[in-house]
Each structure stands twice: as C-alpha cells, then as structure tokens.
Amino acid sequence: MKIIFKRYLGFIIILGLNIILLIINRKIGLRSISISGSNILEMAKILPPIFVLLGLMDVWTPRETMEKIMGEKSGLIGILIAFFLGSLAAGPLYAAFPIAIILIKKGAKFSNILIFIGAWSTTKVPMFLFETASLGWRFSVIRLIMSIFGVITIGYMIELFISKKEKENLYNKARLM
C-alpha cells in the first residue's frame, strides 16, 4: 500500500488541490480540473505508443549492438546517432526520458544519453522548419549550429562533473525499472 501511495503521491496531491480549489472557488476549481484532465488525456495519447516502441526497442535491440553504436567506445558515431535520434524524434520532452532509460539499460554512454535529450529539446526538425519560416533561414541556421555545439559540450561537461559512483547509481536504478 505504501509503495502505491508513494508512486501516485503527485497525482494525489494534484487531486487534493483541485478539490480544495473547487470548495474555495467553484469557477477556478472547475477550470483547474478541466486543465488537469486535459493534460492527463494528452499524456494518455502520447505515452502508450512510446511505450510500445520502447518495448520493441528493448526486445529487438541487443545490448551488444547498443554498446557498439552508443557505448563508451562509440566516439563520433555515438554522438551522431544520439543527436539524430533526438532531432528526428516527435513528441514532447517528457517522452524522451523513458527512451533515455532504455538507452541506459542497453549500455549507452552517459554523455550520449545527455546529447540525445538535449537534441530532443533543442534541435527537432519540425521546430527548425517552423523557425526558418517565421524568423528566417539565417537566424535558424545560426541557432541550430549553436545548439549543436552547446548540446554536445554540455553533455560532455556534465559527464565530467558527475562522479563514477553517481553514474553507476543511475545505471543501477535504470536497470531496476
């Protein structure tokens, strides 16, 4: 029971706050419940297909293959694959984290995982096309180049600053999921 309560604590808190808002101010409470419900429905549309793809990736991709293409010795190939996986992905940023966990389980290098998440959040192809149409190609290309260097630099800097013990702890937690 404690484990279930702990797992759903965030949901329980939001539900409680919505109920309190509903009691204090009916109009604001109904609006809050509407927004919360809308967010839950949006996540319910996005997450199931992602989890199906994750399951397939987990089963179809051998650990040895992932270690070879994105592991500790992957070098430039690992960076490029992480970057392109993130840039070509669709969906909100919260969808990247379950994929990152699978990458951890499969032995991907920590900096490559960070590059993947950074690329997902800053260099998506549809975002680049929208920027180009709205702000011009010059701005978009400069921002893209800066983002590429920034994402790679930040990925490696974070890996340098995180101790080996912290990384091992993170990898062990991911394997338990």
N, C-alpha and C. Protein backbone atom coordinates (compact mmCIF):
# COMPACT_ATOMS: atom_id res chain seq x y z
N MET A 1 0.82 -1.19 0.00
CA MET A 1 0.00 0.00 0.00
C MET A 1 0.86 1.26 0.00
N LYS A 2 1.95 1.22 0.82
CA LYS A 2 2.84 2.38 0.88
C LYS A 2 3.48 2.66 -0.48
N ILE A 3 3.85 1.59 -1.18
CA ILE A 3 4.51 1.74 -2.48
C ILE A 3 3.54 2.38 -3.48
N ILE A 4 2.30 1.95 -3.49
CA ILE A 4 1.30 2.52 -4.39
C ILE A 4 1.08 4.00 -4.04
N PHE A 5 0.96 4.28 -2.74
CA PHE A 5 0.75 5.66 -2.31
C PHE A 5 1.92 6.54 -2.73
N LYS A 6 3.14 6.04 -2.53
CA LYS A 6 4.33 6.81 -2.89
C LYS A 6 4.40 7.05 -4.41
N ARG A 7 4.05 6.03 -5.18
CA ARG A 7 4.11 6.13 -6.63
C ARG A 7 3.12 7.18 -7.16
N TYR A 8 1.95 7.25 -6.57
CA TYR A 8 0.91 8.16 -7.04
C TYR A 8 0.76 9.41 -6.18
N LEU A 9 1.78 9.74 -5.39
CA LEU A 9 1.72 10.88 -4.49
C LEU A 9 1.47 12.19 -5.25
N GLY A 10 2.15 12.39 -6.36
CA GLY A 10 1.95 13.60 -7.15
C GLY A 10 0.52 13.74 -7.63
N PHE A 11 -0.04 12.66 -8.14
CA PHE A 11 -1.42 12.66 -8.60
C PHE A 11 -2.37 12.96 -7.45
N ILE A 12 -2.13 12.33 -6.30
CA ILE A 12 -2.99 12.54 -5.13
C ILE A 12 -2.93 13.99 -4.66
N ILE A 13 -1.76 14.59 -4.68
CA ILE A 13 -1.62 15.99 -4.28
C ILE A 13 -2.39 16.90 -5.23
N ILE A 14 -2.24 16.69 -6.54
CA ILE A 14 -2.96 17.50 -7.53
C ILE A 14 -4.46 17.33 -7.36
N LEU A 15 -4.91 16.09 -7.16
CA LEU A 15 -6.33 15.83 -6.95
C LEU A 15 -6.84 16.56 -5.71
N GLY A 16 -6.07 16.49 -4.63
CA GLY A 16 -6.45 17.18 -3.39
C GLY A 16 -6.52 18.69 -3.58
N LEU A 17 -5.52 19.25 -4.26
CA LEU A 17 -5.52 20.70 -4.53
C LEU A 17 -6.71 21.11 -5.39
N ASN A 18 -7.04 20.28 -6.37
CA ASN A 18 -8.20 20.57 -7.21
C ASN A 18 -9.49 20.56 -6.40
N ILE A 19 -9.61 19.60 -5.49
CA ILE A 19 -10.81 19.53 -4.65
C ILE A 19 -10.88 20.75 -3.73
N ILE A 20 -9.75 21.14 -3.14
CA ILE A 20 -9.72 22.33 -2.28
C ILE A 20 -10.10 23.57 -3.09
N LEU A 21 -9.55 23.71 -4.28
CA LEU A 21 -9.91 24.84 -5.15
C LEU A 21 -11.39 24.83 -5.48
N LEU A 22 -11.94 23.67 -5.73
CA LEU A 22 -13.36 23.55 -6.05
C LEU A 22 -14.23 24.00 -4.87
N ILE A 23 -13.79 23.67 -3.66
CA ILE A 23 -14.54 24.08 -2.47
C ILE A 23 -14.42 25.58 -2.23
N ILE A 24 -13.21 26.13 -2.40
CA ILE A 24 -12.98 27.55 -2.15
C ILE A 24 -13.61 28.42 -3.22
N ASN A 25 -13.38 28.09 -4.47
CA ASN A 25 -13.88 28.89 -5.58
C ASN A 25 -14.28 27.93 -6.70
N ARG A 26 -15.56 27.74 -6.86
CA ARG A 26 -16.08 26.74 -7.81
C ARG A 26 -15.60 26.99 -9.24
N LYS A 27 -15.60 28.24 -9.68
CA LYS A 27 -15.21 28.56 -11.06
C LYS A 27 -13.74 28.21 -11.31
N ILE A 28 -12.88 28.64 -10.41
CA ILE A 28 -11.45 28.35 -10.57
C ILE A 28 -11.20 26.85 -10.42
N GLY A 29 -11.90 26.20 -9.48
CA GLY A 29 -11.75 24.76 -9.28
C GLY A 29 -12.13 23.96 -10.51
N LEU A 30 -13.26 24.34 -11.14
CA LEU A 30 -13.67 23.63 -12.36
C LEU A 30 -12.66 23.85 -13.48
N ARG A 31 -12.15 25.06 -13.58
CA ARG A 31 -11.13 25.35 -14.61
C ARG A 31 -9.87 24.53 -14.37
N SER A 32 -9.46 24.44 -13.11
CA SER A 32 -8.26 23.66 -12.77
C SER A 32 -8.47 22.18 -13.07
N ILE A 33 -9.64 21.65 -12.74
CA ILE A 33 -9.94 20.25 -13.03
C ILE A 33 -9.96 20.01 -14.54
N SER A 34 -10.49 20.97 -15.28
CA SER A 34 -10.52 20.86 -16.73
C SER A 34 -9.11 20.82 -17.32
N ILE A 35 -8.25 21.69 -16.83
CA ILE A 35 -6.86 21.74 -17.32
C ILE A 35 -6.12 20.46 -16.93
N SER A 36 -6.30 20.01 -15.69
CA SER A 36 -5.65 18.76 -15.25
C SER A 36 -6.11 17.58 -16.09
N GLY A 37 -7.41 17.49 -16.35
CA GLY A 37 -7.95 16.42 -17.18
C GLY A 37 -7.41 16.47 -18.59
N SER A 38 -7.31 17.67 -19.13
CA SER A 38 -6.78 17.85 -20.48
C SER A 38 -5.33 17.37 -20.56
N ASN A 39 -4.54 17.70 -19.54
CA ASN A 39 -3.14 17.26 -19.51
C ASN A 39 -3.03 15.74 -19.41
N ILE A 40 -3.88 15.14 -18.60
CA ILE A 40 -3.87 13.68 -18.46
C ILE A 40 -4.24 13.02 -19.79
N LEU A 41 -5.25 13.56 -20.47
CA LEU A 41 -5.65 13.00 -21.78
C LEU A 41 -4.54 13.15 -22.81
N GLU A 42 -3.86 14.29 -22.80
CA GLU A 42 -2.76 14.50 -23.74
C GLU A 42 -1.66 13.46 -23.51
N MET A 43 -1.31 13.24 -22.25
CA MET A 43 -0.29 12.25 -21.95
C MET A 43 -0.77 10.84 -22.30
N ALA A 44 -2.05 10.57 -22.11
CA ALA A 44 -2.59 9.25 -22.44
C ALA A 44 -2.55 8.98 -23.93
N LYS A 45 -2.58 10.03 -24.74
CA LYS A 45 -2.48 9.85 -26.20
C LYS A 45 -1.04 9.61 -26.64
N ILE A 46 -0.10 10.22 -25.96
CA ILE A 46 1.29 10.19 -26.39
C ILE A 46 2.07 9.01 -25.82
N LEU A 47 1.89 8.73 -24.54
CA LEU A 47 2.73 7.74 -23.88
C LEU A 47 2.52 6.29 -24.33
N PRO A 48 1.29 5.81 -24.55
CA PRO A 48 1.17 4.40 -24.96
C PRO A 48 1.95 4.03 -26.23
N PRO A 49 1.88 4.83 -27.31
CA PRO A 49 2.69 4.45 -28.47
C PRO A 49 4.19 4.48 -28.18
N ILE A 50 4.61 5.40 -27.34
CA ILE A 50 6.03 5.48 -26.99
C ILE A 50 6.45 4.23 -26.22
N PHE A 51 5.59 3.79 -25.28
CA PHE A 51 5.93 2.60 -24.52
C PHE A 51 5.92 1.34 -25.40
N VAL A 52 5.06 1.29 -26.39
CA VAL A 52 5.08 0.16 -27.33
C VAL A 52 6.40 0.16 -28.09
N LEU A 53 6.80 1.32 -28.60
CA LEU A 53 8.07 1.42 -29.32
C LEU A 53 9.25 1.10 -28.42
N LEU A 54 9.17 1.53 -27.15
CA LEU A 54 10.24 1.21 -26.20
C LEU A 54 10.35 -0.29 -25.97
N GLY A 55 9.19 -0.93 -25.83
CA GLY A 55 9.20 -2.38 -25.65
C GLY A 55 9.83 -3.09 -26.83
N LEU A 56 9.48 -2.64 -28.03
CA LEU A 56 10.06 -3.23 -29.23
C LEU A 56 11.57 -2.98 -29.29
N MET A 57 11.97 -1.75 -28.96
CA MET A 57 13.39 -1.42 -28.97
C MET A 57 14.14 -2.26 -27.94
N ASP A 58 13.53 -2.45 -26.79
CA ASP A 58 14.15 -3.22 -25.73
C ASP A 58 14.34 -4.68 -26.14
N VAL A 59 13.35 -5.23 -26.84
CA VAL A 59 13.41 -6.64 -27.25
C VAL A 59 14.25 -6.83 -28.51
N TRP A 60 14.11 -5.94 -29.46
CA TRP A 60 14.77 -6.13 -30.77
C TRP A 60 16.23 -5.68 -30.81
N THR A 61 16.63 -4.77 -29.93
CA THR A 61 17.99 -4.26 -29.98
C THR A 61 18.85 -4.94 -28.93
N PRO A 62 19.78 -5.77 -29.34
CA PRO A 62 20.66 -6.42 -28.36
C PRO A 62 21.55 -5.39 -27.66
N ARG A 63 21.85 -5.66 -26.41
CA ARG A 63 22.70 -4.77 -25.62
C ARG A 63 24.06 -4.56 -26.31
N GLU A 64 24.59 -5.62 -26.89
CA GLU A 64 25.91 -5.52 -27.55
C GLU A 64 25.87 -4.52 -28.70
N THR A 65 24.78 -4.52 -29.45
CA THR A 65 24.64 -3.58 -30.57
C THR A 65 24.60 -2.15 -30.06
N MET A 66 23.80 -1.92 -29.01
CA MET A 66 23.69 -0.56 -28.47
C MET A 66 25.02 -0.11 -27.88
N GLU A 67 25.73 -1.00 -27.20
CA GLU A 67 27.04 -0.64 -26.65
C GLU A 67 28.01 -0.29 -27.78
N LYS A 68 27.90 -1.00 -28.89
CA LYS A 68 28.79 -0.74 -30.02
C LYS A 68 28.51 0.62 -30.66
N ILE A 69 27.23 0.94 -30.85
CA ILE A 69 26.92 2.17 -31.58
C ILE A 69 26.77 3.41 -30.69
N MET A 70 26.49 3.22 -29.37
CA MET A 70 26.33 4.38 -28.49
C MET A 70 27.06 4.23 -27.16
N GLY A 71 27.84 3.19 -26.98
CA GLY A 71 28.51 2.92 -25.71
C GLY A 71 29.77 3.74 -25.49
N GLU A 72 30.54 3.33 -24.52
CA GLU A 72 31.74 4.06 -24.10
C GLU A 72 32.76 4.26 -25.22
N LYS A 73 32.86 3.32 -26.13
CA LYS A 73 33.86 3.39 -27.19
C LYS A 73 33.27 3.80 -28.54
N SER A 74 32.07 4.37 -28.52
CA SER A 74 31.39 4.67 -29.79
C SER A 74 31.94 5.90 -30.50
N GLY A 75 32.55 6.82 -29.76
CA GLY A 75 33.15 8.01 -30.35
C GLY A 75 32.17 8.88 -31.10
N LEU A 76 32.59 9.37 -32.27
CA LEU A 76 31.79 10.29 -33.07
C LEU A 76 30.49 9.64 -33.56
N ILE A 77 30.54 8.36 -33.86
CA ILE A 77 29.33 7.65 -34.32
C ILE A 77 28.25 7.71 -33.24
N GLY A 78 28.63 7.48 -31.99
CA GLY A 78 27.67 7.53 -30.88
C GLY A 78 27.05 8.90 -30.72
N ILE A 79 27.88 9.93 -30.85
CA ILE A 79 27.38 11.31 -30.76
C ILE A 79 26.38 11.58 -31.88
N LEU A 80 26.74 11.21 -33.09
CA LEU A 80 25.86 11.45 -34.24
C LEU A 80 24.54 10.70 -34.11
N ILE A 81 24.60 9.44 -33.70
CA ILE A 81 23.37 8.66 -33.55
C ILE A 81 22.49 9.27 -32.46
N ALA A 82 23.09 9.62 -31.32
CA ALA A 82 22.33 10.23 -30.24
C ALA A 82 21.69 11.54 -30.71
N PHE A 83 22.47 12.32 -31.45
CA PHE A 83 21.97 13.60 -31.93
C PHE A 83 20.83 13.42 -32.93
N PHE A 84 20.99 12.52 -33.87
CA PHE A 84 19.95 12.33 -34.88
C PHE A 84 18.70 11.68 -34.29
N LEU A 85 18.87 10.76 -33.35
CA LEU A 85 17.69 10.17 -32.68
C LEU A 85 16.87 11.26 -32.00
N GLY A 86 17.55 12.17 -31.31
CA GLY A 86 16.86 13.26 -30.63
C GLY A 86 16.25 14.26 -31.59
N SER A 87 16.95 14.58 -32.65
CA SER A 87 16.47 15.59 -33.60
C SER A 87 15.31 15.10 -34.45
N LEU A 88 15.28 13.83 -34.75
CA LEU A 88 14.21 13.29 -35.60
C LEU A 88 12.99 12.83 -34.81
N ALA A 89 13.10 12.84 -33.50
CA ALA A 89 12.00 12.37 -32.66
C ALA A 89 10.83 13.33 -32.69
N ALA A 90 9.67 12.79 -32.38
CA ALA A 90 8.46 13.61 -32.31
C ALA A 90 7.89 13.49 -30.90
N GLY A 91 7.21 14.51 -30.47
CA GLY A 91 6.56 14.48 -29.18
C GLY A 91 7.22 15.41 -28.19
N PRO A 92 6.57 15.57 -27.04
CA PRO A 92 7.09 16.48 -26.02
C PRO A 92 8.32 15.90 -25.33
N LEU A 93 9.03 16.75 -24.62
CA LEU A 93 10.29 16.34 -23.98
C LEU A 93 10.10 15.22 -22.97
N TYR A 94 8.97 15.19 -22.27
CA TYR A 94 8.79 14.13 -21.27
C TYR A 94 8.77 12.73 -21.91
N ALA A 95 8.57 12.66 -23.20
CA ALA A 95 8.61 11.36 -23.88
C ALA A 95 10.05 10.88 -24.08
N ALA A 96 11.02 11.77 -23.98
CA ALA A 96 12.42 11.39 -24.18
C ALA A 96 12.98 10.60 -23.00
N PHE A 97 12.44 10.81 -21.81
CA PHE A 97 13.03 10.20 -20.63
C PHE A 97 12.84 8.68 -20.56
N PRO A 98 11.69 8.13 -20.93
CA PRO A 98 11.62 6.66 -20.98
C PRO A 98 12.58 6.06 -22.00
N ILE A 99 12.78 6.76 -23.10
CA ILE A 99 13.74 6.29 -24.11
C ILE A 99 15.15 6.34 -23.53
N ALA A 100 15.45 7.41 -22.79
CA ALA A 100 16.77 7.53 -22.16
C ALA A 100 17.02 6.38 -21.19
N ILE A 101 15.98 5.95 -20.49
CA ILE A 101 16.13 4.82 -19.56
C ILE A 101 16.48 3.54 -20.33
N ILE A 102 15.83 3.33 -21.47
CA ILE A 102 16.15 2.15 -22.29
C ILE A 102 17.60 2.25 -22.78
N LEU A 103 18.03 3.44 -23.17
CA LEU A 103 19.41 3.62 -23.62
C LEU A 103 20.39 3.30 -22.49
N ILE A 104 20.04 3.71 -21.27
CA ILE A 104 20.89 3.40 -20.11
C ILE A 104 20.94 1.88 -19.92
N LYS A 105 19.78 1.23 -19.97
CA LYS A 105 19.73 -0.22 -19.78
C LYS A 105 20.54 -0.96 -20.83
N LYS A 106 20.60 -0.40 -22.03
CA LYS A 106 21.30 -1.06 -23.13
C LYS A 106 22.79 -0.71 -23.18
N GLY A 107 23.26 0.12 -22.23
CA GLY A 107 24.69 0.39 -22.16
C GLY A 107 25.19 1.59 -22.93
N ALA A 108 24.31 2.54 -23.24
CA ALA A 108 24.75 3.75 -23.94
C ALA A 108 25.60 4.62 -23.00
N LYS A 109 26.54 5.30 -23.56
CA LYS A 109 27.41 6.21 -22.81
C LYS A 109 26.58 7.35 -22.24
N PHE A 110 26.88 7.77 -21.02
CA PHE A 110 26.11 8.80 -20.34
C PHE A 110 26.05 10.10 -21.13
N SER A 111 27.17 10.53 -21.68
CA SER A 111 27.16 11.78 -22.46
C SER A 111 26.29 11.65 -23.71
N ASN A 112 26.25 10.48 -24.31
CA ASN A 112 25.39 10.27 -25.48
C ASN A 112 23.91 10.35 -25.10
N ILE A 113 23.57 9.88 -23.92
CA ILE A 113 22.19 10.00 -23.45
C ILE A 113 21.84 11.46 -23.23
N LEU A 114 22.75 12.21 -22.65
CA LEU A 114 22.52 13.65 -22.44
C LEU A 114 22.42 14.39 -23.77
N ILE A 115 23.22 14.00 -24.73
CA ILE A 115 23.16 14.60 -26.07
C ILE A 115 21.81 14.28 -26.71
N PHE A 116 21.34 13.06 -26.56
CA PHE A 116 20.03 12.67 -27.08
C PHE A 116 18.93 13.56 -26.49
N ILE A 117 18.93 13.71 -25.17
CA ILE A 117 17.90 14.54 -24.52
C ILE A 117 18.03 16.00 -24.94
N GLY A 118 19.26 16.49 -25.02
CA GLY A 118 19.48 17.88 -25.45
C GLY A 118 19.03 18.11 -26.88
N ALA A 119 19.33 17.16 -27.75
CA ALA A 119 18.91 17.28 -29.16
C ALA A 119 17.38 17.23 -29.25
N TRP A 120 16.75 16.36 -28.47
CA TRP A 120 15.29 16.27 -28.47
C TRP A 120 14.68 17.61 -28.10
N SER A 121 15.29 18.30 -27.14
CA SER A 121 14.69 19.54 -26.65
C SER A 121 15.03 20.77 -27.49
N THR A 122 16.09 20.73 -28.29
CA THR A 122 16.51 21.97 -28.97
C THR A 122 16.64 21.90 -30.48
N THR A 123 16.74 20.72 -31.07
CA THR A 123 17.07 20.68 -32.50
C THR A 123 16.12 19.84 -33.33
N LYS A 124 14.88 19.77 -32.95
CA LYS A 124 13.93 18.98 -33.73
C LYS A 124 13.75 19.57 -35.12
N VAL A 125 13.64 18.70 -36.10
CA VAL A 125 13.49 19.12 -37.49
C VAL A 125 12.24 19.99 -37.70
N PRO A 126 11.06 19.59 -37.18
CA PRO A 126 9.88 20.44 -37.37
C PRO A 126 10.04 21.84 -36.75
N MET A 127 10.72 21.90 -35.61
CA MET A 127 10.95 23.20 -34.98
C MET A 127 11.87 24.06 -35.86
N PHE A 128 12.89 23.44 -36.43
CA PHE A 128 13.80 24.16 -37.31
C PHE A 128 13.06 24.71 -38.53
N LEU A 129 12.18 23.90 -39.12
CA LEU A 129 11.42 24.36 -40.28
C LEU A 129 10.48 25.50 -39.91
N PHE A 130 9.84 25.41 -38.76
CA PHE A 130 8.96 26.48 -38.30
C PHE A 130 9.76 27.76 -38.06
N GLU A 131 10.91 27.63 -37.41
CA GLU A 131 11.77 28.79 -37.18
C GLU A 131 12.19 29.44 -38.49
N THR A 132 12.57 28.63 -39.45
CA THR A 132 13.01 29.15 -40.74
C THR A 132 11.90 29.96 -41.40
N ALA A 133 10.69 29.43 -41.36
CA ALA A 133 9.56 30.13 -41.96
C ALA A 133 9.22 31.40 -41.20
N SER A 134 9.37 31.38 -39.89
CA SER A 134 8.96 32.51 -39.06
C SER A 134 10.06 33.55 -38.88
N LEU A 135 11.28 33.10 -38.69
CA LEU A 135 12.37 34.01 -38.32
C LEU A 135 13.47 34.13 -39.37
N GLY A 136 13.38 33.34 -40.42
CA GLY A 136 14.38 33.42 -41.48
C GLY A 136 15.43 32.34 -41.36
N TRP A 137 15.99 31.97 -42.50
CA TRP A 137 16.96 30.88 -42.53
C TRP A 137 18.24 31.23 -41.80
N ARG A 138 18.67 32.50 -41.86
CA ARG A 138 19.93 32.90 -41.24
C ARG A 138 19.89 32.69 -39.72
N PHE A 139 18.84 33.19 -39.10
CA PHE A 139 18.68 33.01 -37.66
C PHE A 139 18.61 31.53 -37.31
N SER A 140 17.82 30.78 -38.06
CA SER A 140 17.60 29.36 -37.77
C SER A 140 18.88 28.55 -37.87
N VAL A 141 19.66 28.81 -38.90
CA VAL A 141 20.91 28.05 -39.08
C VAL A 141 21.90 28.39 -37.96
N ILE A 142 22.01 29.68 -37.63
CA ILE A 142 22.93 30.08 -36.55
C ILE A 142 22.50 29.44 -35.23
N ARG A 143 21.20 29.48 -34.93
CA ARG A 143 20.70 28.88 -33.69
C ARG A 143 20.93 27.38 -33.68
N LEU A 144 20.73 26.72 -34.82
CA LEU A 144 20.94 25.28 -34.91
C LEU A 144 22.41 24.93 -34.67
N ILE A 145 23.30 25.65 -35.29
CA ILE A 145 24.74 25.39 -35.11
C ILE A 145 25.15 25.62 -33.66
N MET A 146 24.67 26.70 -33.06
CA MET A 146 24.98 26.98 -31.66
C MET A 146 24.40 25.88 -30.76
N SER A 147 23.21 25.43 -31.09
CA SER A 147 22.58 24.37 -30.29
C SER A 147 23.36 23.07 -30.39
N ILE A 148 23.81 22.74 -31.59
CA ILE A 148 24.59 21.50 -31.77
C ILE A 148 25.83 21.53 -30.89
N PHE A 149 26.60 22.61 -30.99
CA PHE A 149 27.81 22.70 -30.17
C PHE A 149 27.48 22.76 -28.69
N GLY A 150 26.42 23.49 -28.35
CA GLY A 150 26.02 23.60 -26.95
C GLY A 150 25.60 22.27 -26.36
N VAL A 151 24.79 21.52 -27.08
CA VAL A 151 24.29 20.23 -26.59
C VAL A 151 25.45 19.26 -26.38
N ILE A 152 26.35 19.19 -27.34
CA ILE A 152 27.49 18.26 -27.23
C ILE A 152 28.41 18.69 -26.09
N THR A 153 28.70 19.98 -25.99
CA THR A 153 29.56 20.48 -24.92
C THR A 153 28.95 20.22 -23.55
N ILE A 154 27.67 20.52 -23.40
CA ILE A 154 27.00 20.31 -22.11
C ILE A 154 26.97 18.83 -21.75
N GLY A 155 26.70 17.98 -22.73
CA GLY A 155 26.69 16.54 -22.47
C GLY A 155 28.01 16.05 -21.90
N TYR A 156 29.11 16.47 -22.52
CA TYR A 156 30.42 16.04 -22.05
C TYR A 156 30.82 16.71 -20.74
N MET A 157 30.45 17.97 -20.56
CA MET A 157 30.76 18.67 -19.30
C MET A 157 30.04 18.01 -18.13
N ILE A 158 28.78 17.69 -18.31
CA ILE A 158 28.03 17.04 -17.23
C ILE A 158 28.65 15.69 -16.91
N GLU A 159 29.03 14.94 -17.95
CA GLU A 159 29.66 13.65 -17.69
C GLU A 159 30.96 13.80 -16.91
N LEU A 160 31.71 14.86 -17.18
CA LEU A 160 32.95 15.11 -16.45
C LEU A 160 32.70 15.44 -14.98
N PHE A 161 31.63 16.18 -14.71
CA PHE A 161 31.37 16.64 -13.35
C PHE A 161 30.64 15.62 -12.48
N ILE A 162 30.03 14.63 -13.09
CA ILE A 162 29.33 13.61 -12.31
C ILE A 162 30.30 12.48 -12.01
N SER A 163 30.34 12.11 -10.75
CA SER A 163 31.29 11.07 -10.33
C SER A 163 30.90 9.71 -10.91
N LYS A 164 31.89 8.83 -10.96
CA LYS A 164 31.65 7.48 -11.46
C LYS A 164 30.62 6.75 -10.60
N LYS A 165 30.66 7.00 -9.30
CA LYS A 165 29.71 6.37 -8.38
C LYS A 165 28.28 6.84 -8.67
N GLU A 166 28.10 8.13 -8.93
CA GLU A 166 26.77 8.66 -9.25
C GLU A 166 26.23 8.06 -10.55
N LYS A 167 27.11 7.94 -11.55
CA LYS A 167 26.69 7.33 -12.82
C LYS A 167 26.30 5.86 -12.62
N GLU A 168 27.11 5.13 -11.87
CA GLU A 168 26.79 3.73 -11.60
C GLU A 168 25.45 3.61 -10.87
N ASN A 169 25.20 4.50 -9.93
CA ASN A 169 23.94 4.51 -9.19
C ASN A 169 22.77 4.75 -10.15
N LEU A 170 22.94 5.68 -11.06
CA LEU A 170 21.91 5.98 -12.05
C LEU A 170 21.65 4.79 -12.96
N TYR A 171 22.70 4.17 -13.44
CA TYR A 171 22.57 2.99 -14.31
C TYR A 171 21.91 1.84 -13.56
N ASN A 172 22.26 1.65 -12.28
CA ASN A 172 21.66 0.58 -11.49
C ASN A 172 20.16 0.84 -11.27
N LYS A 173 19.78 2.07 -11.00
CA LYS A 173 18.36 2.40 -10.82
C LYS A 173 17.58 2.15 -12.11
N ALA A 174 18.17 2.50 -13.23
CA ALA A 174 17.50 2.29 -14.52
C ALA A 174 17.30 0.80 -14.80
N ARG A 175 18.28 -0.02 -14.43
CA ARG A 175 18.16 -1.46 -14.66
C ARG A 175 17.05 -2.08 -13.83
N LEU A 176 16.74 -1.46 -12.69
CA LEU A 176 15.68 -1.99 -11.82
C LEU A 176 14.29 -1.64 -12.33
N MET A 177 14.19 -0.69 -13.22
CA MET A 177 12.88 -0.27 -13.72
C MET A 177 12.32 -1.27 -14.70
